[in-house]
Amino acid sequence: MTESSTQQLSSARHTLACVLLAGVSFAALFLGGCAARAKPRIPWSIAVLVRPVAPQRTSPTEKVPDISPDLGIETPRPPAPLPVARTGPARPRISAPTPAQTAPAGKLETPQMVPELSPQQASSLQRETNQSLTVAERNLAATAGKSLNATQTDLASKVRSFISDAQEAGNSGDWARARELAKKAEVLSEELASSL
């Protein structure tokens, strides 16, 4: 035999071995099937019914032995919290009001600061208040019996409100506030009278 025939024979064996190996691998994959489609070894109908069995104690007072080793490690106590420095003044303490101090459930009265006036100033403010209230009431009376539009009705309502507030302020002795409210009522009543 010659060298070329030996090479051909060796080449043929090598090719045969590769083909045989490829065939066996293909057969193993084909016969083994897909791993995702493989059936579980335990059917699910049985697997659902199987539950683990917990060990039962013989008596409820039986103490379970501690199996953790004692390492003898002592943990130090945490340090005490540091005092916090306040940056502002302390909050004022306000006690709860007693039932006698609480206001009735009706209208809450707001405290009014009334300026201290001399008797001459008080009488002058009272006279001006009465004059303005008289003019406002006269102009308001002129609208009685007339049909008013929405704007005029609103003005008349505001005039009545200012007259009422001015009378309340006068009754409480706040003649400066009473005069201001009476002036507002007078100005609005004149506007109302001019619009008729």
Protein backbone atom coordinates (compact mmCIF):
# COMPACT_ATOMS: atom_id res chain seq x y z
CA MET A 1 0.00 0.00 0.00
CA THR A 2 1.08 3.38 -0.72
CA GLU A 3 1.09 6.53 1.30
CA SER A 4 -1.84 8.00 -0.50
CA SER A 5 -4.01 4.99 0.22
CA THR A 6 -3.08 5.19 3.92
CA GLN A 7 -4.03 8.82 4.00
CA GLN A 8 -7.30 8.04 2.24
CA LEU A 9 -8.05 5.25 4.70
CA SER A 10 -7.25 7.49 7.67
CA SER A 11 -9.34 10.26 6.20
CA ALA A 12 -12.24 7.87 5.62
CA ARG A 13 -12.06 6.63 9.21
CA HIS A 14 -11.99 10.18 10.51
CA THR A 15 -15.03 11.13 8.42
CA LEU A 16 -16.85 7.98 9.50
CA ALA A 17 -16.11 8.74 13.16
CA CYS A 18 -17.41 12.33 12.79
CA VAL A 19 -20.57 11.17 11.06
CA LEU A 20 -21.14 8.49 13.66
CA LEU A 21 -20.60 10.95 16.52
CA ALA A 22 -22.98 13.46 14.92
CA GLY A 23 -25.59 10.77 14.42
CA VAL A 24 -25.41 9.59 18.05
CA SER A 25 -25.64 13.19 19.31
CA PHE A 26 -28.62 13.91 17.08
CA ALA A 27 -30.34 10.68 18.18
CA ALA A 28 -29.76 11.55 21.87
CA LEU A 29 -31.24 15.01 21.43
CA PHE A 30 -34.14 13.78 19.33
CA LEU A 31 -35.04 10.92 21.64
CA GLY A 32 -34.44 12.94 24.85
CA GLY A 33 -36.88 15.67 23.79
CA CYS A 34 -37.05 19.25 24.97
CA ALA A 35 -36.22 19.88 28.63
CA ALA A 36 -39.08 22.39 28.94
CA ARG A 37 -41.57 19.79 27.76
CA ALA A 38 -40.22 17.05 29.98
CA LYS A 39 -42.80 15.59 32.30
CA PRO A 40 -42.16 15.96 36.01
CA ARG A 41 -41.10 12.84 37.82
CA ILE A 42 -43.87 13.30 40.42
CA PRO A 43 -47.33 13.98 39.02
CA TRP A 44 -48.78 17.30 40.23
CA SER A 45 -51.97 15.67 41.42
CA ILE A 46 -49.94 13.71 43.98
CA ALA A 47 -47.47 16.51 44.73
CA VAL A 48 -50.26 18.83 45.86
CA LEU A 49 -51.47 16.29 48.38
CA VAL A 50 -48.04 15.74 49.90
CA ARG A 51 -47.40 18.00 52.87
CA PRO A 52 -44.45 18.06 55.21
CA VAL A 53 -45.06 16.53 58.59
CA ALA A 54 -44.09 18.74 61.51
CA PRO A 55 -42.59 17.03 64.55
CA GLN A 56 -45.07 16.89 67.40
CA ARG A 57 -44.25 17.69 71.00
CA THR A 58 -45.18 15.25 73.63
CA SER A 59 -46.38 17.87 76.15
CA PRO A 60 -46.96 21.63 75.99
CA THR A 61 -44.73 22.25 79.04
CA GLU A 62 -41.74 20.50 77.53
CA LYS A 63 -38.95 22.96 77.01
CA VAL A 64 -37.16 22.92 73.69
CA PRO A 65 -33.42 22.75 74.23
CA ASP A 66 -31.47 25.76 73.05
CA ILE A 67 -29.10 24.50 70.39
CA SER A 68 -27.37 27.82 69.74
CA PRO A 69 -23.92 28.04 71.28
CA ASP A 70 -23.26 30.59 74.00
CA LEU A 71 -20.49 32.72 72.59
CA GLY A 72 -20.26 34.98 75.64
CA ILE A 73 -20.42 38.18 73.63
CA GLU A 74 -21.64 41.14 75.64
CA THR A 75 -23.03 44.07 73.73
CA PRO A 76 -22.40 47.46 75.30
CA ARG A 77 -25.32 49.70 76.13
CA PRO A 78 -26.00 52.45 73.62
CA PRO A 79 -24.77 55.85 74.74
CA ALA A 80 -27.28 58.28 76.20
CA PRO A 81 -28.66 60.75 73.70
CA LEU A 82 -26.92 64.07 73.57
CA PRO A 83 -28.85 67.05 74.91
CA VAL A 84 -30.27 69.16 72.11
CA ALA A 85 -29.46 72.84 72.32
CA ARG A 86 -32.53 75.00 71.74
CA THR A 87 -32.01 77.73 69.19
CA GLY A 88 -35.08 79.77 70.07
CA PRO A 89 -37.08 80.73 73.11
CA ALA A 90 -39.07 78.11 74.98
CA ARG A 91 -42.67 77.58 73.98
CA PRO A 92 -45.19 79.26 76.24
CA ARG A 93 -47.38 76.96 78.28
CA ILE A 94 -51.08 77.63 77.77
CA SER A 95 -53.57 76.02 80.07
CA ALA A 96 -56.89 74.80 78.76
CA PRO A 97 -59.74 77.27 79.33
CA THR A 98 -62.25 76.44 82.02
CA PRO A 99 -65.87 75.96 80.98
CA ALA A 100 -66.71 79.38 82.42
CA GLN A 101 -64.14 81.01 80.12
CA THR A 102 -65.41 79.42 76.94
CA ALA A 103 -67.77 81.50 74.82
CA PRO A 104 -71.35 80.42 74.18
CA ALA A 105 -72.04 78.47 71.02
CA GLY A 106 -73.65 81.51 69.35
CA LYS A 107 -71.91 84.41 67.64
CA LEU A 108 -68.37 84.97 68.88
CA GLU A 109 -67.67 88.51 69.92
CA THR A 110 -64.37 89.95 68.75
CA PRO A 111 -62.81 92.32 71.25
CA GLN A 112 -62.79 95.92 70.10
CA MET A 113 -60.17 98.45 71.03
CA VAL A 114 -61.95 101.73 71.60
CA PRO A 115 -59.79 104.85 71.55
CA GLU A 116 -60.08 107.03 74.61
CA LEU A 117 -61.74 110.29 73.60
CA SER A 118 -62.37 113.52 75.41
CA PRO A 119 -66.02 114.40 76.04
CA GLN A 120 -65.90 117.11 73.34
CA GLN A 121 -64.50 114.66 70.76
CA ALA A 122 -67.06 112.02 71.69
CA SER A 123 -69.99 114.46 71.33
CA SER A 124 -68.62 115.74 68.00
CA LEU A 125 -68.28 112.19 66.63
CA GLN A 126 -71.75 111.29 67.93
CA ARG A 127 -73.28 114.35 66.19
CA GLU A 128 -71.54 113.51 62.87
CA THR A 129 -72.65 109.88 63.16
CA ASN A 130 -76.27 110.88 63.74
CA GLN A 131 -76.21 113.31 60.80
CA SER A 132 -74.80 110.69 58.43
CA LEU A 133 -77.28 108.06 59.66
CA THR A 134 -80.18 110.50 59.16
CA VAL A 135 -79.13 111.21 55.55
CA ALA A 136 -78.61 107.48 54.83
CA GLU A 137 -82.02 106.53 56.28
CA ARG A 138 -83.76 109.35 54.34
CA ASN A 139 -82.16 108.22 51.05
CA LEU A 140 -83.05 104.61 51.83
CA ALA A 141 -86.65 105.59 52.59
CA ALA A 142 -86.84 107.29 49.16
CA THR A 143 -86.38 103.86 47.53
CA ALA A 144 -89.38 102.36 49.34
CA GLY A 145 -92.13 101.32 46.96
CA LYS A 146 -89.94 101.60 43.86
CA SER A 147 -88.82 98.66 41.77
CA LEU A 148 -85.05 98.31 42.02
CA ASN A 149 -82.69 96.48 39.69
CA ALA A 150 -80.07 94.02 41.00
CA THR A 151 -77.37 96.68 41.50
CA GLN A 152 -79.74 99.01 43.35
CA THR A 153 -81.00 96.16 45.55
CA ASP A 154 -77.40 95.27 46.41
CA LEU A 155 -76.63 98.91 47.29
CA ALA A 156 -79.74 99.12 49.50
CA SER A 157 -78.68 95.94 51.32
CA LYS A 158 -75.20 97.34 51.94
CA VAL A 159 -76.62 100.64 53.22
CA ARG A 160 -78.86 98.78 55.71
CA SER A 161 -75.86 96.71 56.85
CA PHE A 162 -73.68 99.80 57.41
CA ILE A 163 -76.50 101.56 59.30
CA SER A 164 -76.92 98.54 61.58
CA ASP A 165 -73.17 98.22 62.21
CA ALA A 166 -72.87 101.97 62.92
CA GLN A 167 -75.70 101.78 65.47
CA GLU A 168 -74.02 98.79 67.21
CA ALA A 169 -70.68 100.64 67.36
CA GLY A 170 -72.43 103.73 68.78
CA ASN A 171 -74.17 101.61 71.42
CA SER A 172 -70.80 100.18 72.51
CA GLY A 173 -69.30 103.68 72.76
CA ASP A 174 -66.94 103.38 69.77
CA TRP A 175 -67.93 106.67 68.14
CA ALA A 176 -64.94 106.79 65.77
CA ARG A 177 -65.93 103.46 64.20
CA ALA A 178 -69.61 104.41 64.27
CA ARG A 179 -68.85 107.62 62.35
CA GLU A 180 -66.83 105.74 59.68
CA LEU A 181 -69.62 103.21 59.16
CA ALA A 182 -72.28 105.94 59.07
CA LYS A 183 -70.25 107.85 56.44
CA LYS A 184 -70.04 104.71 54.29
CA ALA A 185 -73.80 104.24 54.61
CA GLU A 186 -74.36 107.89 53.67
CA VAL A 187 -72.12 107.73 50.56
CA LEU A 188 -73.72 104.50 49.32
CA SER A 189 -77.23 105.82 49.99
CA GLU A 190 -76.48 108.96 47.95
CA GLU A 191 -75.24 106.77 45.10
CA LEU A 192 -78.44 104.72 45.37
CA ALA A 193 -80.63 107.85 45.38
CA SER A 194 -78.85 109.27 42.31
CA SER A 195 -79.39 106.02 40.39
CA LEU A 196 -83.19 106.15 40.80
